[in-house]
Amino acid sequence: DNAKNTLYLQMNNLKPEDTAVYFCNARR
């Protein structure tokens, strides 16, 4: 949402193997 300057990650049907530290990244 560029108007809110926000990046999202919707995660559904999560599994134990999704366990991790999640990092946001921006590149230009």
PDB file of all heavy atoms in Angstrom:
ATOM      1  N   ASP A   1       0.874  -1.165   0.000  1.00  0.00           N
ATOM      2  CA  ASP A   1       0.000   0.000   0.000  1.00  0.00           C
ATOM      3  C   ASP A   1       0.917   1.222   0.000  1.00  0.00           C
ATOM      4  O   ASP A   1       1.402   1.649   1.044  1.00  0.00           O
ATOM      5  CB  ASP A   1      -0.914  -0.017   1.228  1.00  0.00           C
ATOM      6  CG  ASP A   1      -1.953   1.097   1.185  1.00  0.00           C
ATOM      7  OD1 ASP A   1      -1.719   2.116   0.519  1.00  0.00           O
ATOM      8  OD2 ASP A   1      -2.975   0.947   1.853  1.00  0.00           O
ATOM      9  N   ASN A   2       1.154   1.765  -1.167  1.00  0.00           N
ATOM     10  CA  ASN A   2       2.096   2.881  -1.280  1.00  0.00           C
ATOM     11  C   ASN A   2       1.582   4.131  -0.582  1.00  0.00           C
ATOM     12  O   ASN A   2       2.379   4.947  -0.098  1.00  0.00           O
ATOM     13  CB  ASN A   2       2.394   3.167  -2.746  1.00  0.00           C
ATOM     14  CG  ASN A   2       3.211   2.062  -3.397  1.00  0.00           C
ATOM     15  OD1 ASN A   2       3.984   1.374  -2.738  1.00  0.00           O
ATOM     16  ND2 ASN A   2       3.035   1.886  -4.699  1.00  0.00           N
ATOM     17  N   ALA A   3       0.274   4.286  -0.506  1.00  0.00           N
ATOM     18  CA  ALA A   3      -0.284   5.445   0.189  1.00  0.00           C
ATOM     19  C   ALA A   3       0.044   5.401   1.674  1.00  0.00           C
ATOM     20  O   ALA A   3       0.192   6.441   2.321  1.00  0.00           O
ATOM     21  CB  ALA A   3      -1.786   5.513  -0.023  1.00  0.00           C
ATOM     22  N   LYS A   4       0.143   4.184   2.220  1.00  0.00           N
ATOM     23  CA  LYS A   4       0.462   4.005   3.643  1.00  0.00           C
ATOM     24  C   LYS A   4       1.934   3.666   3.854  1.00  0.00           C
ATOM     25  O   LYS A   4       2.353   3.428   4.984  1.00  0.00           O
ATOM     26  CB  LYS A   4      -0.408   2.913   4.242  1.00  0.00           C
ATOM     27  CG  LYS A   4      -1.893   3.242   4.268  1.00  0.00           C
ATOM     28  CD  LYS A   4      -2.689   2.138   4.932  1.00  0.00           C
ATOM     29  CE  LYS A   4      -4.172   2.512   4.999  1.00  0.00           C
ATOM     30  NZ  LYS A   4      -4.969   1.443   5.654  1.00  0.00           N
ATOM     31  N   ASN A   5       2.701   3.605   2.752  1.00  0.00           N
ATOM     32  CA  ASN A   5       4.131   3.243   2.860  1.00  0.00           C
ATOM     33  C   ASN A   5       4.313   1.925   3.609  1.00  0.00           C
ATOM     34  O   ASN A   5       5.184   1.810   4.491  1.00  0.00           O
ATOM     35  CB  ASN A   5       4.925   4.351   3.548  1.00  0.00           C
ATOM     36  CG  ASN A   5       5.354   5.442   2.592  1.00  0.00           C
ATOM     37  OD1 ASN A   5       5.188   5.335   1.381  1.00  0.00           O
ATOM     38  ND2 ASN A   5       5.900   6.505   3.134  1.00  0.00           N
ATOM     39  N   THR A   6       3.514   0.931   3.264  1.00  0.00           N
ATOM     40  CA  THR A   6       3.518  -0.329   4.004  1.00  0.00           C
ATOM     41  C   THR A   6       3.525  -1.521   3.066  1.00  0.00           C
ATOM     42  O   THR A   6       2.826  -1.528   2.053  1.00  0.00           O
ATOM     43  CB  THR A   6       2.315  -0.415   4.955  1.00  0.00           C
ATOM     44  OG1 THR A   6       2.324   0.720   5.835  1.00  0.00           O
ATOM     45  CG2 THR A   6       2.374  -1.674   5.792  1.00  0.00           C
ATOM     46  N   LEU A   7       4.317  -2.503   3.445  1.00  0.00           N
ATOM     47  CA  LEU A   7       4.385  -3.785   2.752  1.00  0.00           C
ATOM     48  C   LEU A   7       3.753  -4.841   3.663  1.00  0.00           C
ATOM     49  O   LEU A   7       3.944  -4.788   4.884  1.00  0.00           O
ATOM     50  CB  LEU A   7       5.850  -4.143   2.479  1.00  0.00           C
ATOM     51  CG  LEU A   7       6.166  -5.402   1.701  1.00  0.00           C
ATOM     52  CD1 LEU A   7       5.756  -5.238   0.241  1.00  0.00           C
ATOM     53  CD2 LEU A   7       7.650  -5.721   1.811  1.00  0.00           C
ATOM     54  N   TYR A   8       3.005  -5.765   3.075  1.00  0.00           N
ATOM     55  CA  TYR A   8       2.310  -6.779   3.863  1.00  0.00           C
ATOM     56  C   TYR A   8       2.676  -8.181   3.377  1.00  0.00           C
ATOM     57  O   TYR A   8       3.031  -8.383   2.218  1.00  0.00           O
ATOM     58  CB  TYR A   8       0.792  -6.625   3.742  1.00  0.00           C
ATOM     59  CG  TYR A   8       0.258  -5.302   4.197  1.00  0.00           C
ATOM     60  CD1 TYR A   8      -0.052  -4.294   3.273  1.00  0.00           C
ATOM     61  CD2 TYR A   8       0.041  -5.038   5.552  1.00  0.00           C
ATOM     62  CE1 TYR A   8      -0.551  -3.070   3.688  1.00  0.00           C
ATOM     63  CE2 TYR A   8      -0.452  -3.816   5.970  1.00  0.00           C
ATOM     64  CZ  TYR A   8      -0.749  -2.848   5.039  1.00  0.00           C
ATOM     65  OH  TYR A   8      -1.239  -1.637   5.461  1.00  0.00           O
ATOM     66  N   LEU A   9       2.531  -9.132   4.302  1.00  0.00           N
ATOM     67  CA  LEU A   9       2.606 -10.540   3.934  1.00  0.00           C
ATOM     68  C   LEU A   9       1.482 -11.258   4.670  1.00  0.00           C
ATOM     69  O   LEU A   9       1.535 -11.423   5.895  1.00  0.00           O
ATOM     70  CB  LEU A   9       3.959 -11.166   4.294  1.00  0.00           C
ATOM     71  CG  LEU A   9       4.128 -12.608   3.831  1.00  0.00           C
ATOM     72  CD1 LEU A   9       4.202 -12.672   2.304  1.00  0.00           C
ATOM     73  CD2 LEU A   9       5.386 -13.241   4.440  1.00  0.00           C
ATOM     74  N   GLN A  10       0.456 -11.626   3.929  1.00  0.00           N
ATOM     75  CA  GLN A  10      -0.644 -12.414   4.485  1.00  0.00           C
ATOM     76  C   GLN A  10      -0.259 -13.881   4.405  1.00  0.00           C
ATOM     77  O   GLN A  10       0.046 -14.386   3.324  1.00  0.00           O
ATOM     78  CB  GLN A  10      -1.932 -12.160   3.708  1.00  0.00           C
ATOM     79  CG  GLN A  10      -3.120 -12.973   4.188  1.00  0.00           C
ATOM     80  CD  GLN A  10      -3.571 -12.590   5.575  1.00  0.00           C
ATOM     81  OE1 GLN A  10      -3.650 -11.400   5.902  1.00  0.00           O
ATOM     82  NE2 GLN A  10      -3.871 -13.575   6.408  1.00  0.00           N
ATOM     83  N   MET A  11      -0.266 -14.548   5.551  1.00  0.00           N
ATOM     84  CA  MET A  11       0.142 -15.940   5.617  1.00  0.00           C
ATOM     85  C   MET A  11      -1.024 -16.777   6.119  1.00  0.00           C
ATOM     86  O   MET A  11      -1.483 -16.586   7.242  1.00  0.00           O
ATOM     87  CB  MET A  11       1.350 -16.098   6.548  1.00  0.00           C
ATOM     88  CG  MET A  11       2.516 -15.194   6.192  1.00  0.00           C
ATOM     89  SD  MET A  11       3.981 -15.487   7.190  1.00  0.00           S
ATOM     90  CE  MET A  11       3.392 -14.938   8.784  1.00  0.00           C
ATOM     91  N   ASN A  12      -1.506 -17.661   5.272  1.00  0.00           N
ATOM     92  CA  ASN A  12      -2.629 -18.537   5.608  1.00  0.00           C
ATOM     93  C   ASN A  12      -2.180 -19.991   5.639  1.00  0.00           C
ATOM     94  O   ASN A  12      -1.146 -20.353   5.067  1.00  0.00           O
ATOM     95  CB  ASN A  12      -3.738 -18.369   4.579  1.00  0.00           C
ATOM     96  CG  ASN A  12      -4.292 -16.966   4.531  1.00  0.00           C
ATOM     97  OD1 ASN A  12      -4.373 -16.271   5.561  1.00  0.00           O
ATOM     98  ND2 ASN A  12      -4.671 -16.516   3.355  1.00  0.00           N
ATOM     99  N   ASN A  13      -2.979 -20.825   6.294  1.00  0.00           N
ATOM    100  CA  ASN A  13      -2.680 -22.256   6.384  1.00  0.00           C
ATOM    101  C   ASN A  13      -1.218 -22.474   6.787  1.00  0.00           C
ATOM    102  O   ASN A  13      -0.482 -23.231   6.142  1.00  0.00           O
ATOM    103  CB  ASN A  13      -2.967 -22.942   5.040  1.00  0.00           C
ATOM    104  CG  ASN A  13      -2.921 -24.451   5.138  1.00  0.00           C
ATOM    105  OD1 ASN A  13      -3.042 -25.018   6.224  1.00  0.00           O
ATOM    106  ND2 ASN A  13      -2.711 -25.097   4.002  1.00  0.00           N
ATOM    107  N   LEU A  14      -0.831 -21.827   7.861  1.00  0.00           N
ATOM    108  CA  LEU A  14       0.561 -21.906   8.299  1.00  0.00           C
ATOM    109  C   LEU A  14       0.926 -23.308   8.749  1.00  0.00           C
ATOM    110  O   LEU A  14       0.094 -24.047   9.300  1.00  0.00           O
ATOM    111  CB  LEU A  14       0.805 -20.907   9.429  1.00  0.00           C
ATOM    112  CG  LEU A  14       0.959 -19.458   8.951  1.00  0.00           C
ATOM    113  CD1 LEU A  14       0.712 -18.476  10.078  1.00  0.00           C
ATOM    114  CD2 LEU A  14       2.353 -19.259   8.361  1.00  0.00           C
ATOM    115  N   LYS A  15       2.182 -23.649   8.508  1.00  0.00           N
ATOM    116  CA  LYS A  15       2.709 -24.968   8.849  1.00  0.00           C
ATOM    117  C   LYS A  15       3.889 -24.801   9.808  1.00  0.00           C
ATOM    118  O   LYS A  15       4.552 -23.746   9.802  1.00  0.00           O
ATOM    119  CB  LYS A  15       3.176 -25.680   7.577  1.00  0.00           C
ATOM    120  CG  LYS A  15       2.094 -25.827   6.520  1.00  0.00           C
ATOM    121  CD  LYS A  15       2.642 -26.460   5.253  1.00  0.00           C
ATOM    122  CE  LYS A  15       1.555 -26.605   4.192  1.00  0.00           C
ATOM    123  NZ  LYS A  15       2.068 -27.237   2.952  1.00  0.00           N
ATOM    124  N   PRO A  16       4.195 -25.820  10.593  1.00  0.00           N
ATOM    125  CA  PRO A  16       5.348 -25.719  11.502  1.00  0.00           C
ATOM    126  C   PRO A  16       6.638 -25.352  10.767  1.00  0.00           C
ATOM    127  O   PRO A  16       7.479 -24.633  11.341  1.00  0.00           O
ATOM    128  CB  PRO A  16       5.420 -27.114  12.119  1.00  0.00           C
ATOM    129  CG  PRO A  16       4.000 -27.591  12.112  1.00  0.00           C
ATOM    130  CD  PRO A  16       3.422 -27.056  10.822  1.00  0.00           C
ATOM    131  N   GLU A  17       6.794 -25.783   9.544  1.00  0.00           N
ATOM    132  CA  GLU A  17       8.012 -25.472   8.791  1.00  0.00           C
ATOM    133  C   GLU A  17       8.079 -24.011   8.349  1.00  0.00           C
ATOM    134  O   GLU A  17       9.101 -23.575   7.819  1.00  0.00           O
ATOM    135  CB  GLU A  17       8.159 -26.388   7.567  1.00  0.00           C
ATOM    136  CG  GLU A  17       6.941 -26.455   6.677  1.00  0.00           C
ATOM    137  CD  GLU A  17       6.064 -27.660   6.978  1.00  0.00           C
ATOM    138  OE1 GLU A  17       5.851 -27.959   8.188  1.00  0.00           O
ATOM    139  OE2 GLU A  17       5.579 -28.282   6.009  1.00  0.00           O
ATOM    140  N   ASP A  18       7.020 -23.240   8.576  1.00  0.00           N
ATOM    141  CA  ASP A  18       7.058 -21.800   8.317  1.00  0.00           C
ATOM    142  C   ASP A  18       7.674 -21.036   9.492  1.00  0.00           C
ATOM    143  O   ASP A  18       7.890 -19.822   9.387  1.00  0.00           O
ATOM    144  CB  ASP A  18       5.644 -21.262   8.061  1.00  0.00           C
ATOM    145  CG  ASP A  18       5.026 -21.814   6.796  1.00  0.00           C
ATOM    146  OD1 ASP A  18       5.743 -21.919   5.768  1.00  0.00           O
ATOM    147  OD2 ASP A  18       3.819 -22.146   6.821  1.00  0.00           O
ATOM    148  N   THR A  19       7.944 -21.727  10.584  1.00  0.00           N
ATOM    149  CA  THR A  19       8.553 -21.087  11.742  1.00  0.00           C
ATOM    150  C   THR A  19       9.907 -20.495  11.373  1.00  0.00           C
ATOM    151  O   THR A  19      10.780 -21.191  10.846  1.00  0.00           O
ATOM    152  CB  THR A  19       8.730 -22.095  12.888  1.00  0.00           C
ATOM    153  OG1 THR A  19       7.434 -22.506  13.336  1.00  0.00           O
ATOM    154  CG2 THR A  19       9.507 -21.488  14.047  1.00  0.00           C
ATOM    155  N   ALA A  20      10.067 -19.188  11.631  1.00  0.00           N
ATOM    156  CA  ALA A  20      11.293 -18.488  11.245  1.00  0.00           C
ATOM    157  C   ALA A  20      11.204 -17.044  11.724  1.00  0.00           C
ATOM    158  O   ALA A  20      10.143 -16.580  12.150  1.00  0.00           O
ATOM    159  CB  ALA A  20      11.474 -18.511   9.727  1.00  0.00           C
ATOM    160  N   VAL A  21      12.325 -16.346  11.614  1.00  0.00           N
ATOM    161  CA  VAL A  21      12.322 -14.892  11.732  1.00  0.00           C
ATOM    162  C   VAL A  21      12.101 -14.345  10.324  1.00  0.00           C
ATOM    163  O   VAL A  21      12.828 -14.729   9.393  1.00  0.00           O
ATOM    164  CB  VAL A  21      13.626 -14.363  12.325  1.00  0.00           C
ATOM    165  CG1 VAL A  21      13.597 -12.834  12.387  1.00  0.00           C
ATOM    166  CG2 VAL A  21      13.866 -14.948  13.707  1.00  0.00           C
ATOM    167  N   TYR A  22      11.110 -13.496  10.190  1.00  0.00           N
ATOM    168  CA  TYR A  22      10.764 -12.919   8.888  1.00  0.00           C
ATOM    169  C   TYR A  22      11.296 -11.488   8.807  1.00  0.00           C
ATOM    170  O   TYR A  22      11.081 -10.689   9.724  1.00  0.00           O
ATOM    171  CB  TYR A  22       9.254 -12.949   8.679  1.00  0.00           C
ATOM    172  CG  TYR A  22       8.736 -14.322   8.347  1.00  0.00           C
ATOM    173  CD1 TYR A  22       8.708 -15.330   9.312  1.00  0.00           C
ATOM    174  CD2 TYR A  22       8.311 -14.636   7.062  1.00  0.00           C
ATOM    175  CE1 TYR A  22       8.256 -16.611   9.005  1.00  0.00           C
ATOM    176  CE2 TYR A  22       7.850 -15.911   6.744  1.00  0.00           C
ATOM    177  CZ  TYR A  22       7.830 -16.882   7.716  1.00  0.00           C
ATOM    178  OH  TYR A  22       7.383 -18.155   7.401  1.00  0.00           O
ATOM    179  N   PHE A  23      11.935 -11.190   7.682  1.00  0.00           N
ATOM    180  CA  PHE A  23      12.557  -9.895   7.471  1.00  0.00           C
ATOM    181  C   PHE A  23      11.944  -9.204   6.260  1.00  0.00           C
ATOM    182  O   PHE A  23      11.761  -9.813   5.208  1.00  0.00           O
ATOM    183  CB  PHE A  23      14.057 -10.048   7.223  1.00  0.00           C
ATOM    184  CG  PHE A  23      14.825 -10.635   8.362  1.00  0.00           C
ATOM    185  CD1 PHE A  23      14.972 -12.010   8.474  1.00  0.00           C
ATOM    186  CD2 PHE A  23      15.395  -9.820   9.330  1.00  0.00           C
ATOM    187  CE1 PHE A  23      15.683 -12.571   9.534  1.00  0.00           C
ATOM    188  CE2 PHE A  23      16.111 -10.364  10.389  1.00  0.00           C
ATOM    189  CZ  PHE A  23      16.243 -11.742  10.495  1.00  0.00           C
ATOM    190  N   CYS A  24      11.692  -7.935   6.415  1.00  0.00           N
ATOM    191  CA  CYS A  24      11.245  -7.089   5.322  1.00  0.00           C
ATOM    192  C   CYS A  24      12.476  -6.523   4.608  1.00  0.00           C
ATOM    193  O   CYS A  24      13.487  -6.217   5.257  1.00  0.00           O
ATOM    194  CB  CYS A  24      10.394  -5.967   5.900  1.00  0.00           C
ATOM    195  SG  CYS A  24       9.832  -4.740   4.736  1.00  0.00           S
ATOM    196  N   ASN A  25      12.365  -6.377   3.300  1.00  0.00           N
ATOM    197  CA  ASN A  25      13.485  -5.875   2.501  1.00  0.00           C
ATOM    198  C   ASN A  25      12.962  -4.891   1.457  1.00  0.00           C
ATOM    199  O   ASN A  25      11.901  -5.105   0.867  1.00  0.00           O
ATOM    200  CB  ASN A  25      14.191  -7.042   1.820  1.00  0.00           C
ATOM    201  CG  ASN A  25      15.251  -6.589   0.833  1.00  0.00           C
ATOM    202  OD1 ASN A  25      15.000  -6.471  -0.368  1.00  0.00           O
ATOM    203  ND2 ASN A  25      16.444  -6.346   1.328  1.00  0.00           N
ATOM    204  N   ALA A  26      13.734  -3.821   1.237  1.00  0.00           N
ATOM    205  CA  ALA A  26      13.414  -2.846   0.186  1.00  0.00           C
ATOM    206  C   ALA A  26      14.666  -2.607  -0.653  1.00  0.00           C
ATOM    207  O   ALA A  26      15.762  -2.455  -0.110  1.00  0.00           O
ATOM    208  CB  ALA A  26      12.939  -1.533   0.807  1.00  0.00           C
ATOM    209  N   ARG A  27      14.479  -2.600  -1.975  1.00  0.00           N
ATOM    210  CA  ARG A  27      15.627  -2.452  -2.870  1.00  0.00           C
ATOM    211  C   ARG A  27      15.337  -1.377  -3.915  1.00  0.00           C
ATOM    212  O   ARG A  27      14.253  -1.284  -4.451  1.00  0.00           O
ATOM    213  CB  ARG A  27      15.901  -3.774  -3.600  1.00  0.00           C
ATOM    214  CG  ARG A  27      16.423  -4.873  -2.723  1.00  0.00           C
ATOM    215  CD  ARG A  27      16.519  -6.174  -3.510  1.00  0.00           C
ATOM    216  NE  ARG A  27      15.215  -6.721  -3.824  1.00  0.00           N
ATOM    217  CZ  ARG A  27      14.673  -6.740  -5.038  1.00  0.00           C
ATOM    218  NH1 ARG A  27      15.319  -6.230  -6.071  1.00  0.00           N
ATOM    219  NH2 ARG A  27      13.488  -7.276  -5.237  1.00  0.00           N
ATOM    220  N   ARG A  28      16.367  -0.584  -4.171  1.00  0.00           N
ATOM    221  CA  ARG A  28      16.299   0.393  -5.255  1.00  0.00           C
ATOM    222  C   ARG A  28      17.720   0.701  -5.685  1.00  0.00           C
ATOM    223  O   ARG A  28      18.516   1.151  -4.882  1.00  0.00           O
ATOM    224  CB  ARG A  28      15.593   1.678  -4.811  1.00  0.00           C
ATOM    225  CG  ARG A  28      15.362   2.667  -5.948  1.00  0.00           C
ATOM    226  CD  ARG A  28      14.732   3.954  -5.456  1.00  0.00           C
ATOM    227  NE  ARG A  28      15.681   4.735  -4.671  1.00  0.00           N
ATOM    228  CZ  ARG A  28      15.366   5.887  -4.059  1.00  0.00           C
ATOM    229  NH1 ARG A  28      14.129   6.339  -4.122  1.00  0.00           N
ATOM    230  NH2 ARG A  28      16.274   6.566  -3.392  1.00  0.00           N
TER     231      ARG A  28
END
